[in-house]
Amino acid sequence: MTTRTAKGTPTLVELIAKRLPPSDVVDRLLSDPRMNAAWRELLRQRANDKLVDAHLIWLERDTPLGLTRDDLSKHSRAECAAAALFVNAVAALTKSPSLKTRAEHDAKASKLAEAAALCREQRQHAAGDLKQALAIVADHFNFQAELIEANGDDPHIIERRVGDDATRVQARMVAAWSFAFYGRRNLGTVATISSVATATETSKQQVVKWTARPSH
């Protein structure tokens, strides 16, 4: 069965959609007329050309879509950016996301920091190769703890488990990709994409709440 493409769908998005594995998410984003306003909003915005180019090279070289540089060069920069967001939105909205609470995230960092401290403490009573090994392990644990702490804005982190956590995380992932490509999260457009792809009603107000930075 051939999906009828909605008015306003960028031609590059349509080309890529037809080469992606069949899914309800792809069909909805391609055919739902509500996407017309979303595409119109994205096509009028200036995008991060370097990041978009990197994703186009990835699409060309590292995916089985059969795209060529000639295919991509026929389309405007605005269409290329919209297509890059489309591909990443499909990936985010097709799979069930892994998620964790803020408490779980912080607890993992704390355990690693505690392990690093324990290694440093035991190093004081060691000698030779063991002393050197404990220093290396302590530095490793400490680095991992700092890495987790620095990743506190990960879209997969939720403050607490309530309602449809997967939809929240998926919307946040799309907003993160929008920010990466356009320098703005486009929350109204993200709400439309989420609503269409998941066949649920997601409002801009919900997405604003879901993407708000937690206060500490």
Protein backbone atom coordinates (compact mmCIF):
# COMPACT_ATOMS: atom_id res chain seq x y z
CA MET A 1 0.00 0.00 0.00
CA THR A 2 1.44 3.38 -1.06
CA THR A 3 1.30 6.19 1.48
CA ARG A 4 -0.16 9.39 0.11
CA THR A 5 2.21 12.27 0.78
CA ALA A 6 0.66 15.30 2.48
CA LYS A 7 0.86 18.71 0.88
CA GLY A 8 3.95 20.69 1.85
CA THR A 9 6.20 17.70 2.52
CA PRO A 10 9.76 18.54 1.38
CA THR A 11 10.74 16.41 -1.60
CA LEU A 12 13.94 15.22 0.09
CA VAL A 13 11.93 14.10 3.12
CA GLU A 14 9.62 12.17 0.79
CA LEU A 15 12.59 10.58 -0.99
CA ILE A 16 14.18 9.45 2.28
CA ALA A 17 10.86 8.31 3.77
CA LYS A 18 10.27 5.94 0.86
CA ARG A 19 13.67 4.33 1.48
CA LEU A 20 13.30 3.89 5.23
CA PRO A 21 12.00 0.60 6.65
CA PRO A 22 8.16 0.67 6.60
CA SER A 23 6.64 1.86 9.86
CA ASP A 24 3.55 3.60 11.17
CA VAL A 25 5.70 6.52 12.31
CA VAL A 26 7.08 7.14 8.82
CA ASP A 27 3.64 6.78 7.22
CA ARG A 28 2.04 9.24 9.64
CA LEU A 29 4.76 11.87 9.31
CA LEU A 30 4.58 11.59 5.54
CA SER A 31 0.80 11.63 5.13
CA ASP A 32 -0.75 13.60 8.00
CA PRO A 33 -1.83 17.09 6.82
CA ARG A 34 -0.92 18.55 10.23
CA MET A 35 2.72 18.19 9.19
CA ASN A 36 2.22 20.89 6.55
CA ALA A 37 2.55 23.64 9.17
CA ALA A 38 5.52 21.89 10.75
CA TRP A 39 7.42 21.66 7.47
CA ARG A 40 6.57 25.27 6.61
CA GLU A 41 7.97 26.44 9.94
CA LEU A 42 11.18 24.43 9.57
CA LEU A 43 11.79 25.42 5.94
CA ARG A 44 11.81 29.12 6.79
CA GLN A 45 14.52 28.75 9.45
CA ARG A 46 18.29 28.93 9.05
CA ALA A 47 20.07 25.79 10.15
CA ASN A 48 23.55 24.82 11.33
CA ASP A 49 25.06 23.97 7.94
CA LYS A 50 28.09 22.14 9.33
CA LEU A 51 26.02 19.75 11.42
CA VAL A 52 23.49 19.24 8.63
CA ASP A 53 26.33 18.47 6.21
CA ALA A 54 27.77 15.94 8.66
CA HIS A 55 24.42 14.16 8.82
CA LEU A 56 24.04 14.19 5.05
CA ILE A 57 27.47 12.59 4.69
CA TRP A 58 26.39 9.99 7.27
CA LEU A 59 23.17 9.32 5.32
CA GLU A 60 25.15 8.93 2.11
CA ARG A 61 28.02 6.77 3.40
CA ASP A 62 26.82 4.88 6.46
CA THR A 63 23.16 4.02 5.87
CA PRO A 64 21.58 1.53 3.43
CA LEU A 65 19.27 4.19 1.94
CA GLY A 66 21.09 4.33 -1.39
CA LEU A 67 21.42 8.11 -1.36
CA THR A 68 24.13 9.73 -3.44
CA ARG A 69 25.78 13.13 -3.23
CA ASP A 70 23.93 13.98 -6.45
CA ASP A 71 20.59 13.11 -4.80
CA LEU A 72 21.32 15.45 -1.91
CA SER A 73 22.78 18.31 -3.96
CA LYS A 74 19.51 18.76 -5.86
CA HIS A 75 17.76 20.08 -2.76
CA SER A 76 17.90 23.38 -0.89
CA ARG A 77 19.78 23.80 2.38
CA ALA A 78 16.43 24.24 4.13
CA GLU A 79 15.16 20.91 2.76
CA CYS A 80 18.38 19.17 3.78
CA ALA A 81 18.00 20.45 7.35
CA ALA A 82 14.36 19.37 7.51
CA ALA A 83 15.32 15.93 6.18
CA ALA A 84 18.09 15.59 8.78
CA LEU A 85 15.60 16.37 11.55
CA PHE A 86 13.08 13.96 10.00
CA VAL A 87 15.55 11.04 9.99
CA ASN A 88 16.50 11.61 13.63
CA ALA A 89 12.89 12.17 14.69
CA VAL A 90 11.89 8.86 13.09
CA ALA A 91 14.71 7.11 14.95
CA ALA A 92 13.66 8.70 18.25
CA LEU A 93 9.96 8.02 17.81
CA THR A 94 10.14 4.49 16.41
CA LYS A 95 12.03 2.80 19.23
CA SER A 96 11.05 2.59 22.88
CA PRO A 97 13.58 4.86 24.57
CA SER A 98 15.74 3.82 27.48
CA LEU A 99 15.09 6.17 30.37
CA LYS A 100 16.20 6.79 33.92
CA THR A 101 15.15 9.07 36.73
CA ARG A 102 17.28 11.94 37.94
CA ALA A 103 17.83 10.04 41.20
CA GLU A 104 19.07 6.96 39.32
CA HIS A 105 21.38 9.10 37.20
CA ASP A 106 22.83 10.90 40.23
CA ALA A 107 23.18 7.65 42.19
CA LYS A 108 25.33 6.13 39.44
CA ALA A 109 27.65 9.13 39.48
CA SER A 110 27.84 9.00 43.28
CA LYS A 111 28.76 5.29 43.30
CA LEU A 112 31.56 5.90 40.82
CA ALA A 113 32.87 8.85 42.85
CA GLU A 114 32.77 6.71 45.99
CA ALA A 115 34.68 3.94 44.20
CA ALA A 116 37.32 6.46 43.13
CA ALA A 117 37.66 7.71 46.71
CA LEU A 118 38.00 4.15 48.00
CA CYS A 119 40.78 3.42 45.49
CA ARG A 120 42.65 6.56 46.56
CA GLU A 121 42.24 5.60 50.20
CA GLN A 122 43.55 2.07 49.63
CA ARG A 123 46.43 3.47 47.56
CA GLN A 124 47.87 5.00 50.73
CA HIS A 125 48.41 1.49 52.11
CA ALA A 126 49.73 -0.07 48.89
CA ALA A 127 53.09 -0.14 47.17
CA GLY A 128 54.64 -0.84 43.80
CA ASP A 129 52.47 -1.97 40.92
CA LEU A 130 49.35 -2.17 43.11
CA LYS A 131 49.72 1.46 44.15
CA GLN A 132 50.07 2.54 40.55
CA ALA A 133 47.10 0.38 39.47
CA LEU A 134 44.87 1.86 42.18
CA ALA A 135 45.75 5.37 40.97
CA ILE A 136 44.80 4.45 37.39
CA VAL A 137 41.50 2.88 38.48
CA ALA A 138 40.69 5.86 40.74
CA ASP A 139 41.23 8.25 37.83
CA HIS A 140 39.02 6.09 35.61
CA PHE A 141 36.15 5.99 38.11
CA ASN A 142 36.47 9.72 38.73
CA PHE A 143 36.39 10.47 34.98
CA GLN A 144 33.27 8.33 34.51
CA ALA A 145 31.54 10.10 37.41
CA GLU A 146 32.37 13.52 35.94
CA LEU A 147 31.14 12.37 32.52
CA ILE A 148 27.78 11.34 33.96
CA GLU A 149 27.45 14.60 35.89
CA ALA A 150 28.25 16.61 32.76
CA ASN A 151 25.50 14.74 30.92
CA GLY A 152 22.77 15.96 33.23
CA ASP A 153 20.72 17.39 30.34
CA ASP A 154 20.39 13.98 28.64
CA PRO A 155 16.82 13.80 27.20
CA HIS A 156 16.51 10.27 28.59
CA ILE A 157 16.59 11.56 32.18
CA ILE A 158 13.22 12.20 33.80
CA GLU A 159 12.60 13.74 37.19
CA ARG A 160 10.15 11.03 38.19
CA ARG A 161 8.11 8.29 36.57
CA VAL A 162 4.59 9.54 35.81
CA GLY A 163 2.19 8.84 32.94
CA ASP A 164 3.58 8.04 29.52
CA ASP A 165 7.28 8.48 30.20
CA ALA A 166 8.26 7.19 26.74
CA THR A 167 6.33 9.96 24.97
CA ARG A 168 7.97 12.57 27.18
CA VAL A 169 11.46 11.28 26.48
CA GLN A 170 10.81 10.93 22.73
CA ALA A 171 9.55 14.52 22.50
CA ARG A 172 12.60 15.73 24.39
CA MET A 173 14.88 13.83 22.00
CA VAL A 174 13.24 15.47 18.97
CA ALA A 175 13.55 18.88 20.68
CA ALA A 176 17.24 18.19 21.30
CA TRP A 177 17.81 17.38 17.63
CA SER A 178 15.89 20.50 16.63
CA PHE A 179 18.15 22.59 18.87
CA ALA A 180 21.22 20.92 17.37
CA PHE A 181 20.17 21.65 13.78
CA TYR A 182 18.43 25.01 14.20
CA GLY A 183 19.71 26.49 17.46
CA ARG A 184 16.16 26.44 18.81
CA ARG A 185 13.92 23.68 20.11
CA ASN A 186 10.83 24.62 18.04
CA LEU A 187 8.52 23.28 20.74
CA GLY A 188 5.29 23.85 18.82
CA THR A 189 6.67 21.92 15.86
CA VAL A 190 7.97 19.20 18.18
CA ALA A 191 4.47 18.90 19.66
CA THR A 192 3.03 18.44 16.18
CA ILE A 193 5.64 15.83 15.22
CA SER A 194 5.05 13.95 18.47
CA SER A 195 1.26 14.05 18.08
CA VAL A 196 1.37 12.82 14.50
CA ALA A 197 4.02 10.13 15.00
CA THR A 198 2.54 8.62 18.16
CA ALA A 199 -1.13 9.11 17.22
CA THR A 200 -1.69 10.90 20.53
CA GLU A 201 -2.42 14.49 21.41
CA THR A 202 0.70 16.31 22.58
CA SER A 203 0.36 20.04 23.22
CA LYS A 204 3.05 22.70 23.02
CA GLN A 205 2.44 23.38 26.72
CA GLN A 206 3.25 19.75 27.54
CA VAL A 207 6.47 19.87 25.53
CA VAL A 208 7.44 23.15 27.24
CA LYS A 209 6.99 21.45 30.59
CA TRP A 210 8.82 18.28 29.53
CA THR A 211 11.84 20.18 28.21
CA ALA A 212 12.13 22.67 31.06
CA ARG A 213 15.41 22.53 32.94
CA PRO A 214 14.95 21.21 36.47
CA SER A 215 15.67 23.59 39.32
CA HIS A 216 18.33 22.47 41.78
